[in-house]
């Protein structure tokens, strides 16, 4: 569904906002693009996700929250709440959509690791056995 749009106007697979797409397109010198073009959308979205990772020193939780809510919002939350405990930080995110997004991304991340990385799958299985005992 390359042309899918959120209620706020984020478009395509990477759910890129038009303003973000325009800013990123300038940075990567992409002059002819469309957010509903799969290749353009993925190029813009992955560049922006990489940017959010760099902004937060590769802290994926903050990068993902920033991808969804914007870097200004996340920066304000870090100043207001601190970031000593990631779990506490997530429950303090004041945008319900962003809080749900961050939770969903990380739940899926661990599931994919478990499915596609045999070492992680074994660690989780061992941990589950130890937890039951």
C-alpha atoms as a PDB file:
ATOM      1  CA  UNK A   1       0.000   0.000   0.000  1.00  0.00           C
ATOM      2  CA  UNK A   2       2.526   2.621  -1.139  1.00  0.00           C
ATOM      3  CA  UNK A   3       0.055   5.500  -0.910  1.00  0.00           C
ATOM      4  CA  UNK A   4      -1.226   4.761   2.580  1.00  0.00           C
ATOM      5  CA  UNK A   5      -1.540   7.866   4.758  1.00  0.00           C
ATOM      6  CA  UNK A   6      -1.929   8.378   8.468  1.00  0.00           C
ATOM      7  CA  UNK A   7      -4.499  10.795   9.843  1.00  0.00           C
ATOM      8  CA  UNK A   8      -1.731  13.419  10.173  1.00  0.00           C
ATOM      9  CA  UNK A   9      -0.458  12.935   6.609  1.00  0.00           C
ATOM     10  CA  UNK A  10       2.498  10.567   7.047  1.00  0.00           C
ATOM     11  CA  UNK A  11       2.758   8.604   3.810  1.00  0.00           C
ATOM     12  CA  UNK A  12       3.924   5.197   2.654  1.00  0.00           C
ATOM     13  CA  UNK A  13       5.769   2.286   4.186  1.00  0.00           C
ATOM     14  CA  UNK A  14       8.079   4.499   6.255  1.00  0.00           C
ATOM     15  CA  UNK A  15       5.227   6.888   7.159  1.00  0.00           C
ATOM     16  CA  UNK A  16       7.197   9.967   6.100  1.00  0.00           C
ATOM     17  CA  UNK A  17       5.664  13.368   6.800  1.00  0.00           C
ATOM     18  CA  UNK A  18       5.705  15.681   3.760  1.00  0.00           C
ATOM     19  CA  UNK A  19       7.811  18.317   5.554  1.00  0.00           C
ATOM     20  CA  UNK A  20      10.315  15.715   6.705  1.00  0.00           C
ATOM     21  CA  UNK A  21      10.463  14.248   3.217  1.00  0.00           C
ATOM     22  CA  UNK A  22      11.164  17.681   1.728  1.00  0.00           C
ATOM     23  CA  UNK A  23      13.921  18.408   4.269  1.00  0.00           C
ATOM     24  CA  UNK A  24      15.579  15.031   3.763  1.00  0.00           C
ATOM     25  CA  UNK A  25      15.264  15.257  -0.027  1.00  0.00           C
ATOM     26  CA  UNK A  26      17.229  18.536   0.059  1.00  0.00           C
ATOM     27  CA  UNK A  27      19.930  16.949   2.215  1.00  0.00           C
ATOM     28  CA  UNK A  28      20.365  13.961  -0.065  1.00  0.00           C
ATOM     29  CA  UNK A  29      19.902  16.061  -3.225  1.00  0.00           C
ATOM     30  CA  UNK A  30      16.821  14.159  -4.352  1.00  0.00           C
ATOM     31  CA  UNK A  31      14.985  16.621  -6.587  1.00  0.00           C
ATOM     32  CA  UNK A  32      12.317  14.444  -8.152  1.00  0.00           C
ATOM     33  CA  UNK A  33      10.585  12.219  -5.602  1.00  0.00           C
ATOM     34  CA  UNK A  34       7.155  11.107  -4.466  1.00  0.00           C
ATOM     35  CA  UNK A  35       6.282   9.873  -1.012  1.00  0.00           C
ATOM     36  CA  UNK A  36       3.998   7.258  -2.531  1.00  0.00           C
ATOM     37  CA  UNK A  37       6.910   5.857  -4.556  1.00  0.00           C
ATOM     38  CA  UNK A  38       8.208   2.902  -2.540  1.00  0.00           C
ATOM     39  CA  UNK A  39      11.897   3.465  -3.340  1.00  0.00           C
ATOM     40  CA  UNK A  40      11.729   7.197  -2.607  1.00  0.00           C
ATOM     41  CA  UNK A  41       9.796   6.614   0.598  1.00  0.00           C
ATOM     42  CA  UNK A  42      12.248   4.010   1.890  1.00  0.00           C
ATOM     43  CA  UNK A  43      15.258   6.152   0.925  1.00  0.00           C
ATOM     44  CA  UNK A  44      13.845   9.203   2.708  1.00  0.00           C
ATOM     45  CA  UNK A  45      12.609   7.274   5.731  1.00  0.00           C
ATOM     46  CA  UNK A  46      15.794   5.292   6.288  1.00  0.00           C
ATOM     47  CA  UNK A  47      17.929   8.414   5.916  1.00  0.00           C
ATOM     48  CA  UNK A  48      15.771  10.164   8.513  1.00  0.00           C
ATOM     49  CA  UNK A  49      15.876   7.171  10.867  1.00  0.00           C
ATOM     50  CA  UNK A  50      19.666   7.149  10.554  1.00  0.00           C
ATOM     51  CA  UNK A  51      19.631  10.890  11.357  1.00  0.00           C
ATOM     52  CA  UNK A  52      17.578  10.297  14.517  1.00  0.00           C
ATOM     53  CA  UNK A  53      20.023   7.574  15.582  1.00  0.00           C
ATOM     54  CA  UNK A  54      22.950   9.970  15.116  1.00  0.00           C
ATOM     55  CA  UNK A  55      21.082  12.696  17.047  1.00  0.00           C
ATOM     56  CA  UNK A  56      20.699  10.358  20.035  1.00  0.00           C
ATOM     57  CA  UNK A  57      24.108   8.632  19.925  1.00  0.00           C
ATOM     58  CA  UNK A  58      22.615   5.423  18.515  1.00  0.00           C
ATOM     59  CA  UNK A  59      20.054   5.124  21.305  1.00  0.00           C
ATOM     60  CA  UNK A  60      17.421   3.270  19.316  1.00  0.00           C
ATOM     61  CA  UNK A  61      14.587   3.979  21.734  1.00  0.00           C
ATOM     62  CA  UNK A  62      15.092   7.733  21.542  1.00  0.00           C
ATOM     63  CA  UNK A  63      15.685   7.524  17.789  1.00  0.00           C
ATOM     64  CA  UNK A  64      12.436   5.629  17.224  1.00  0.00           C
ATOM     65  CA  UNK A  65      10.481   8.012  19.449  1.00  0.00           C
ATOM     66  CA  UNK A  66      12.043  10.934  17.587  1.00  0.00           C
ATOM     67  CA  UNK A  67      11.182   9.388  14.218  1.00  0.00           C
ATOM     68  CA  UNK A  68       7.547   9.324  15.295  1.00  0.00           C
ATOM     69  CA  UNK A  69       7.136  12.477  17.381  1.00  0.00           C
ATOM     70  CA  UNK A  70       9.963  14.656  16.102  1.00  0.00           C
ATOM     71  CA  UNK A  71      13.361  15.452  17.595  1.00  0.00           C
ATOM     72  CA  UNK A  72      12.163  18.583  19.390  1.00  0.00           C
ATOM     73  CA  UNK A  73       9.502  16.691  21.321  1.00  0.00           C
ATOM     74  CA  UNK A  74      11.870  13.912  22.375  1.00  0.00           C
ATOM     75  CA  UNK A  75      14.578  16.361  23.378  1.00  0.00           C
ATOM     76  CA  UNK A  76      12.066  18.112  25.627  1.00  0.00           C
ATOM     77  CA  UNK A  77      10.976  14.833  27.192  1.00  0.00           C
ATOM     78  CA  UNK A  78      14.570  13.819  27.919  1.00  0.00           C
ATOM     79  CA  UNK A  79      15.160  17.190  29.599  1.00  0.00           C
ATOM     80  CA  UNK A  80      11.915  16.894  31.575  1.00  0.00           C
ATOM     81  CA  UNK A  81      12.014  13.199  32.530  1.00  0.00           C
ATOM     82  CA  UNK A  82      15.670  12.224  32.201  1.00  0.00           C
ATOM     83  CA  UNK A  83      16.641   8.893  30.681  1.00  0.00           C
ATOM     84  CA  UNK A  84      18.007   6.694  33.442  1.00  0.00           C
ATOM     85  CA  UNK A  85      15.479   3.895  32.922  1.00  0.00           C
ATOM     86  CA  UNK A  86      14.164   3.288  29.389  1.00  0.00           C
ATOM     87  CA  UNK A  87      11.018   1.540  30.644  1.00  0.00           C
ATOM     88  CA  UNK A  88      10.157   4.492  32.873  1.00  0.00           C
ATOM     89  CA  UNK A  89      10.841   6.890  30.021  1.00  0.00           C
ATOM     90  CA  UNK A  90       8.443   5.090  27.668  1.00  0.00           C
ATOM     91  CA  UNK A  91       5.523   5.228  30.089  1.00  0.00           C
ATOM     92  CA  UNK A  92       6.117   8.964  30.532  1.00  0.00           C
ATOM     93  CA  UNK A  93       5.895   9.742  26.805  1.00  0.00           C
ATOM     94  CA  UNK A  94       2.941  12.141  26.713  1.00  0.00           C
ATOM     95  CA  UNK A  95       1.861  11.349  23.131  1.00  0.00           C
ATOM     96  CA  UNK A  96      -0.182   8.114  23.267  1.00  0.00           C
ATOM     97  CA  UNK A  97       0.530   7.365  19.588  1.00  0.00           C
ATOM     98  CA  UNK A  98       4.297   7.705  20.119  1.00  0.00           C
ATOM     99  CA  UNK A  99       4.225   5.668  23.315  1.00  0.00           C
ATOM    100  CA  UNK A 100       2.344   2.867  21.520  1.00  0.00           C
ATOM    101  CA  UNK A 101       4.659   3.140  18.504  1.00  0.00           C
ATOM    102  CA  UNK A 102       7.811   2.784  20.613  1.00  0.00           C
ATOM    103  CA  UNK A 103       6.372  -0.176  22.511  1.00  0.00           C
ATOM    104  CA  UNK A 104       5.300  -1.870  19.280  1.00  0.00           C
ATOM    105  CA  UNK A 105       8.642  -1.341  17.553  1.00  0.00           C
ATOM    106  CA  UNK A 106      10.586  -2.869  20.436  1.00  0.00           C
ATOM    107  CA  UNK A 107       8.189  -5.766  20.957  1.00  0.00           C
ATOM    108  CA  UNK A 108       8.564  -6.590  17.270  1.00  0.00           C
ATOM    109  CA  UNK A 109      12.322  -6.080  17.408  1.00  0.00           C
ATOM    110  CA  UNK A 110      12.733  -8.719  20.096  1.00  0.00           C
ATOM    111  CA  UNK A 111      10.375 -11.084  18.300  1.00  0.00           C
ATOM    112  CA  UNK A 112      12.362 -10.743  15.074  1.00  0.00           C
ATOM    113  CA  UNK A 113      15.612 -11.302  16.948  1.00  0.00           C
ATOM    114  CA  UNK A 114      14.164 -14.421  18.531  1.00  0.00           C
ATOM    115  CA  UNK A 115      12.925 -15.727  15.180  1.00  0.00           C
ATOM    116  CA  UNK A 116      15.957 -14.886  13.036  1.00  0.00           C
ATOM    117  CA  UNK A 117      18.867 -15.156  15.462  1.00  0.00           C
ATOM    118  CA  UNK A 118      19.366 -18.674  16.861  1.00  0.00           C
ATOM    119  CA  UNK A 119      21.665 -17.419  19.641  1.00  0.00           C
ATOM    120  CA  UNK A 120      19.020 -15.014  20.923  1.00  0.00           C
ATOM    121  CA  UNK A 121      16.350 -17.711  20.638  1.00  0.00           C
ATOM    122  CA  UNK A 122      18.488 -20.062  22.745  1.00  0.00           C
ATOM    123  CA  UNK A 123      19.165 -17.368  25.367  1.00  0.00           C
ATOM    124  CA  UNK A 124      15.456 -16.629  25.647  1.00  0.00           C
ATOM    125  CA  UNK A 125      14.645 -20.321  25.929  1.00  0.00           C
ATOM    126  CA  UNK A 126      17.307 -20.787  28.642  1.00  0.00           C
ATOM    127  CA  UNK A 127      16.031 -17.738  30.497  1.00  0.00           C
ATOM    128  CA  UNK A 128      12.467 -19.045  30.358  1.00  0.00           C
ATOM    129  CA  UNK A 129      13.585 -22.420  31.769  1.00  0.00           C
ATOM    130  CA  UNK A 130      15.496 -20.727  34.607  1.00  0.00           C
ATOM    131  CA  UNK A 131      12.555 -18.455  35.334  1.00  0.00           C
ATOM    132  CA  UNK A 132      10.197 -21.442  35.692  1.00  0.00           C
ATOM    133  CA  UNK A 133      12.541 -23.198  38.129  1.00  0.00           C
END
